[in-house]
Amino acid sequence: MRTPALIALGAVVVLAVGCSTRSSKPVATTHISMATSYRFDPDVIRVRAGSTVTWTNNDNFTHTVKVDGRPDHTVHRGDSFSEQFDSPGRYHYVCTLHSHDMQGTVIVR
């Protein structure tokens, strides 16, 4: 016999899985938005070596951008931060203020 609580829990799990904001494949772009709802959009991008990637904060809250091995940068609402990627590889980035929800990857070819 199913209880109402168990049915409600199942609905929440299905909704959470269906609302994932993670990209399924890299997007060829050099611009990332810190969109509302605490997310990077797109979260996985592909660029050529030597490209500069720009993160723009379009959210109502302050966020940060920290790329593997590089300093953390605070990005206030309406501001942008840019970082150049000279060497091929995969670079993880994160908002250190909201690391559970906001992280992504820059793939440099």
N, C-alpha and C. Protein backbone atom coordinates (compact mmCIF):
# COMPACT_ATOMS: atom_id res chain seq x y z
N MET A 1 0.84 -1.18 0.00
CA MET A 1 0.00 0.00 0.00
C MET A 1 0.89 1.25 0.00
N ARG A 2 0.60 2.20 -0.85
CA ARG A 2 1.38 3.42 -0.95
C ARG A 2 0.78 4.49 -0.04
N THR A 3 1.65 5.12 0.69
CA THR A 3 1.19 6.20 1.56
C THR A 3 1.29 7.52 0.81
N PRO A 4 0.51 8.51 1.18
CA PRO A 4 0.61 9.81 0.52
C PRO A 4 2.02 10.41 0.60
N ALA A 5 2.71 10.20 1.72
CA ALA A 5 4.07 10.74 1.85
C ALA A 5 5.02 10.08 0.85
N LEU A 6 4.90 8.78 0.65
CA LEU A 6 5.76 8.07 -0.30
C LEU A 6 5.46 8.52 -1.73
N ILE A 7 4.21 8.71 -2.06
CA ILE A 7 3.83 9.20 -3.39
C ILE A 7 4.38 10.61 -3.61
N ALA A 8 4.27 11.48 -2.61
CA ALA A 8 4.79 12.84 -2.71
C ALA A 8 6.31 12.82 -2.89
N LEU A 9 7.00 11.96 -2.16
CA LEU A 9 8.46 11.85 -2.28
C LEU A 9 8.84 11.42 -3.69
N GLY A 10 8.12 10.47 -4.24
CA GLY A 10 8.39 10.02 -5.61
C GLY A 10 8.20 11.15 -6.61
N ALA A 11 7.19 11.95 -6.43
CA ALA A 11 6.93 13.08 -7.34
C ALA A 11 8.06 14.11 -7.27
N VAL A 12 8.57 14.35 -6.07
CA VAL A 12 9.68 15.30 -5.90
C VAL A 12 10.92 14.79 -6.60
N VAL A 13 11.23 13.50 -6.48
CA VAL A 13 12.40 12.92 -7.12
C VAL A 13 12.28 13.03 -8.64
N VAL A 14 11.14 12.70 -9.20
CA VAL A 14 10.92 12.80 -10.64
C VAL A 14 11.07 14.25 -11.10
N LEU A 15 10.51 15.18 -10.36
CA LEU A 15 10.61 16.60 -10.71
C LEU A 15 12.06 17.07 -10.64
N ALA A 16 12.79 16.69 -9.62
CA ALA A 16 14.19 17.11 -9.47
C ALA A 16 15.05 16.57 -10.60
N VAL A 17 14.86 15.33 -10.99
CA VAL A 17 15.63 14.74 -12.08
C VAL A 17 15.27 15.42 -13.40
N GLY A 18 14.03 15.71 -13.61
CA GLY A 18 13.59 16.32 -14.85
C GLY A 18 13.98 17.77 -14.99
N CYS A 19 14.36 18.44 -13.91
CA CYS A 19 14.70 19.86 -13.94
C CYS A 19 16.19 20.12 -13.86
N SER A 20 17.01 19.14 -14.11
CA SER A 20 18.46 19.31 -14.06
C SER A 20 18.89 20.38 -15.05
N THR A 21 19.82 21.27 -14.62
CA THR A 21 20.30 22.33 -15.49
C THR A 21 21.65 21.99 -16.11
N ARG A 22 22.17 20.82 -15.89
CA ARG A 22 23.46 20.43 -16.44
C ARG A 22 23.30 20.18 -17.94
N SER A 23 24.26 20.67 -18.71
CA SER A 23 24.25 20.46 -20.16
C SER A 23 24.58 19.02 -20.48
N SER A 24 23.98 18.51 -21.53
CA SER A 24 24.29 17.14 -21.94
C SER A 24 25.51 17.10 -22.84
N LYS A 25 25.82 18.21 -23.51
CA LYS A 25 27.01 18.26 -24.35
C LYS A 25 27.55 19.68 -24.37
N PRO A 26 28.85 19.82 -24.67
CA PRO A 26 29.45 21.17 -24.66
C PRO A 26 28.85 22.08 -25.73
N VAL A 27 28.77 23.35 -25.40
CA VAL A 27 28.27 24.37 -26.31
C VAL A 27 29.47 25.20 -26.78
N ALA A 28 29.55 25.44 -28.08
CA ALA A 28 30.64 26.25 -28.63
C ALA A 28 30.30 27.73 -28.43
N THR A 29 30.86 28.33 -27.39
CA THR A 29 30.62 29.74 -27.08
C THR A 29 31.73 30.23 -26.16
N THR A 30 31.88 31.53 -26.08
CA THR A 30 32.82 32.12 -25.13
C THR A 30 32.10 32.96 -24.08
N HIS A 31 30.77 32.86 -24.04
CA HIS A 31 29.98 33.65 -23.10
C HIS A 31 29.14 32.74 -22.21
N ILE A 32 29.24 32.97 -20.91
CA ILE A 32 28.48 32.20 -19.93
C ILE A 32 27.70 33.18 -19.07
N SER A 33 26.43 32.91 -18.90
CA SER A 33 25.58 33.74 -18.06
C SER A 33 25.44 33.10 -16.68
N MET A 34 25.53 33.94 -15.66
CA MET A 34 25.14 33.51 -14.32
C MET A 34 23.66 33.85 -14.26
N ALA A 35 22.86 32.88 -14.65
CA ALA A 35 21.42 33.10 -14.81
C ALA A 35 20.70 33.00 -13.48
N THR A 36 19.45 33.44 -13.47
CA THR A 36 18.65 33.32 -12.25
C THR A 36 18.54 31.85 -11.87
N SER A 37 18.23 31.60 -10.64
CA SER A 37 18.11 30.25 -10.09
C SER A 37 19.47 29.60 -9.84
N TYR A 38 20.49 30.40 -9.59
CA TYR A 38 21.79 29.90 -9.19
C TYR A 38 22.34 28.86 -10.17
N ARG A 39 22.62 29.29 -11.40
CA ARG A 39 23.18 28.37 -12.37
C ARG A 39 24.02 29.11 -13.40
N PHE A 40 24.94 28.37 -14.02
CA PHE A 40 25.70 28.87 -15.16
C PHE A 40 25.00 28.38 -16.41
N ASP A 41 24.89 29.23 -17.41
CA ASP A 41 24.18 28.86 -18.64
C ASP A 41 24.94 29.36 -19.86
N PRO A 42 25.51 28.47 -20.66
CA PRO A 42 25.60 27.02 -20.45
C PRO A 42 26.68 26.70 -19.41
N ASP A 43 26.63 25.51 -18.87
CA ASP A 43 27.60 25.14 -17.84
C ASP A 43 28.82 24.41 -18.41
N VAL A 44 28.70 23.85 -19.60
CA VAL A 44 29.84 23.19 -20.26
C VAL A 44 30.00 23.82 -21.63
N ILE A 45 31.20 24.40 -21.85
CA ILE A 45 31.45 25.06 -23.14
C ILE A 45 32.72 24.51 -23.77
N ARG A 46 32.84 24.74 -25.07
CA ARG A 46 34.02 24.33 -25.84
C ARG A 46 34.56 25.56 -26.56
N VAL A 47 35.88 25.83 -26.40
CA VAL A 47 36.51 26.98 -27.04
C VAL A 47 37.85 26.56 -27.64
N ARG A 48 38.39 27.40 -28.50
CA ARG A 48 39.72 27.18 -29.07
C ARG A 48 40.77 27.76 -28.14
N ALA A 49 41.96 27.16 -28.13
CA ALA A 49 43.07 27.69 -27.34
C ALA A 49 43.30 29.14 -27.71
N GLY A 50 43.55 29.97 -26.72
CA GLY A 50 43.74 31.40 -26.92
C GLY A 50 42.47 32.21 -26.75
N SER A 51 41.33 31.56 -26.58
CA SER A 51 40.05 32.25 -26.43
C SER A 51 39.91 32.86 -25.04
N THR A 52 39.14 33.93 -24.98
CA THR A 52 38.78 34.55 -23.71
C THR A 52 37.31 34.24 -23.43
N VAL A 53 37.04 33.69 -22.25
CA VAL A 53 35.69 33.35 -21.84
C VAL A 53 35.20 34.43 -20.89
N THR A 54 33.96 34.87 -21.08
CA THR A 54 33.37 35.91 -20.23
C THR A 54 32.14 35.36 -19.51
N TRP A 55 32.14 35.54 -18.19
CA TRP A 55 30.99 35.20 -17.35
C TRP A 55 30.30 36.50 -17.00
N THR A 56 28.98 36.59 -17.23
CA THR A 56 28.20 37.79 -16.91
C THR A 56 27.15 37.43 -15.88
N ASN A 57 27.08 38.22 -14.83
CA ASN A 57 26.13 37.96 -13.76
C ASN A 57 24.79 38.62 -14.08
N ASN A 58 23.84 37.80 -14.54
CA ASN A 58 22.48 38.25 -14.84
C ASN A 58 21.51 37.89 -13.73
N ASP A 59 22.04 37.44 -12.59
CA ASP A 59 21.22 37.06 -11.45
C ASP A 59 21.07 38.28 -10.53
N ASN A 60 20.24 38.15 -9.52
CA ASN A 60 20.03 39.23 -8.56
C ASN A 60 21.00 39.15 -7.38
N PHE A 61 21.91 38.17 -7.40
CA PHE A 61 22.82 37.93 -6.28
C PHE A 61 24.27 37.95 -6.76
N THR A 62 25.17 38.26 -5.86
CA THR A 62 26.60 38.22 -6.17
C THR A 62 27.04 36.77 -6.29
N HIS A 63 27.90 36.50 -7.28
CA HIS A 63 28.47 35.17 -7.47
C HIS A 63 29.98 35.32 -7.63
N THR A 64 30.66 34.21 -7.74
CA THR A 64 32.09 34.21 -8.00
C THR A 64 32.39 33.27 -9.15
N VAL A 65 33.59 33.41 -9.71
CA VAL A 65 34.10 32.47 -10.70
C VAL A 65 35.49 32.07 -10.25
N LYS A 66 35.67 30.79 -10.00
CA LYS A 66 36.99 30.24 -9.67
C LYS A 66 37.26 29.09 -10.62
N VAL A 67 38.28 29.28 -11.45
CA VAL A 67 38.72 28.26 -12.41
C VAL A 67 39.87 27.50 -11.77
N ASP A 68 39.94 26.18 -12.00
CA ASP A 68 41.01 25.35 -11.46
C ASP A 68 42.35 26.08 -11.41
N GLY A 69 42.95 26.16 -10.23
CA GLY A 69 44.28 26.71 -10.07
C GLY A 69 44.42 28.20 -10.27
N ARG A 70 43.33 28.91 -10.38
CA ARG A 70 43.37 30.36 -10.61
C ARG A 70 42.64 31.06 -9.47
N PRO A 71 42.89 32.36 -9.30
CA PRO A 71 42.23 33.09 -8.21
C PRO A 71 40.70 33.14 -8.38
N ASP A 72 40.03 33.30 -7.26
CA ASP A 72 38.58 33.45 -7.21
C ASP A 72 38.24 34.92 -7.51
N HIS A 73 37.22 35.15 -8.34
CA HIS A 73 36.82 36.52 -8.71
C HIS A 73 35.36 36.73 -8.36
N THR A 74 35.07 37.79 -7.63
CA THR A 74 33.71 38.16 -7.27
C THR A 74 33.08 38.91 -8.44
N VAL A 75 31.84 38.53 -8.78
CA VAL A 75 31.13 39.16 -9.89
C VAL A 75 29.77 39.62 -9.37
N HIS A 76 29.62 40.93 -9.20
CA HIS A 76 28.37 41.49 -8.70
C HIS A 76 27.31 41.52 -9.80
N ARG A 77 26.07 41.69 -9.39
CA ARG A 77 24.94 41.75 -10.33
C ARG A 77 25.23 42.77 -11.43
N GLY A 78 25.09 42.35 -12.68
CA GLY A 78 25.30 43.21 -13.83
C GLY A 78 26.74 43.30 -14.30
N ASP A 79 27.68 42.78 -13.53
CA ASP A 79 29.10 42.83 -13.90
C ASP A 79 29.53 41.57 -14.64
N SER A 80 30.74 41.64 -15.23
CA SER A 80 31.30 40.50 -15.96
C SER A 80 32.73 40.27 -15.52
N PHE A 81 33.21 39.07 -15.76
CA PHE A 81 34.60 38.69 -15.52
C PHE A 81 35.05 37.86 -16.71
N SER A 82 36.28 38.11 -17.19
CA SER A 82 36.82 37.36 -18.33
C SER A 82 38.12 36.68 -17.96
N GLU A 83 38.36 35.51 -18.56
CA GLU A 83 39.57 34.72 -18.33
C GLU A 83 40.01 34.14 -19.66
N GLN A 84 41.31 34.23 -19.95
CA GLN A 84 41.85 33.68 -21.20
C GLN A 84 42.34 32.25 -20.96
N PHE A 85 42.11 31.38 -21.95
CA PHE A 85 42.51 29.98 -21.89
C PHE A 85 43.46 29.70 -23.05
N ASP A 86 44.76 29.62 -22.74
CA ASP A 86 45.78 29.45 -23.78
C ASP A 86 46.10 27.99 -24.09
N SER A 87 45.99 27.12 -23.09
CA SER A 87 46.41 25.73 -23.26
C SER A 87 45.22 24.78 -23.36
N PRO A 88 45.28 23.81 -24.28
CA PRO A 88 44.22 22.81 -24.38
C PRO A 88 44.06 22.04 -23.07
N GLY A 89 42.83 21.63 -22.79
CA GLY A 89 42.53 20.85 -21.59
C GLY A 89 41.11 21.07 -21.14
N ARG A 90 40.80 20.49 -19.99
CA ARG A 90 39.47 20.64 -19.37
C ARG A 90 39.67 21.43 -18.09
N TYR A 91 38.92 22.51 -17.95
CA TYR A 91 39.04 23.40 -16.80
C TYR A 91 37.71 23.45 -16.06
N HIS A 92 37.71 23.05 -14.81
CA HIS A 92 36.52 23.08 -13.98
C HIS A 92 36.39 24.49 -13.40
N TYR A 93 35.18 25.03 -13.35
CA TYR A 93 34.96 26.32 -12.70
C TYR A 93 33.76 26.20 -11.77
N VAL A 94 33.72 27.09 -10.77
CA VAL A 94 32.70 27.01 -9.73
C VAL A 94 32.44 28.40 -9.17
N CYS A 95 31.22 28.62 -8.70
CA CYS A 95 30.90 29.78 -7.86
C CYS A 95 31.17 29.31 -6.44
N THR A 96 32.18 29.87 -5.79
CA THR A 96 32.54 29.40 -4.46
C THR A 96 31.49 29.75 -3.40
N LEU A 97 30.61 30.68 -3.71
CA LEU A 97 29.52 31.02 -2.79
C LEU A 97 28.36 30.04 -2.88
N HIS A 98 28.21 29.39 -4.03
CA HIS A 98 27.08 28.48 -4.28
C HIS A 98 27.57 27.23 -4.99
N SER A 99 28.62 26.62 -4.46
CA SER A 99 29.30 25.52 -5.15
C SER A 99 28.44 24.28 -5.34
N HIS A 100 27.43 24.10 -4.54
CA HIS A 100 26.57 22.92 -4.71
C HIS A 100 25.78 23.00 -6.01
N ASP A 101 25.37 24.20 -6.40
CA ASP A 101 24.53 24.38 -7.58
C ASP A 101 25.26 24.90 -8.80
N MET A 102 26.33 25.66 -8.59
CA MET A 102 26.94 26.40 -9.70
C MET A 102 28.36 25.92 -9.98
N GLN A 103 28.48 25.07 -10.98
CA GLN A 103 29.78 24.63 -11.45
C GLN A 103 29.68 24.22 -12.90
N GLY A 104 30.83 24.19 -13.56
CA GLY A 104 30.83 23.84 -14.96
C GLY A 104 32.23 23.53 -15.46
N THR A 105 32.36 23.42 -16.78
CA THR A 105 33.63 23.03 -17.40
C THR A 105 33.84 23.83 -18.68
N VAL A 106 35.09 24.27 -18.86
CA VAL A 106 35.52 24.86 -20.12
C VAL A 106 36.44 23.85 -20.77
N ILE A 107 36.10 23.40 -21.97
CA ILE A 107 36.92 22.46 -22.72
C ILE A 107 37.67 23.26 -23.78
N VAL A 108 39.00 23.26 -23.69
CA VAL A 108 39.82 24.04 -24.61
C VAL A 108 40.49 23.08 -25.57
N ARG A 109 40.33 23.34 -26.87
CA ARG A 109 40.92 22.49 -27.93
C ARG A 109 42.01 23.23 -28.65
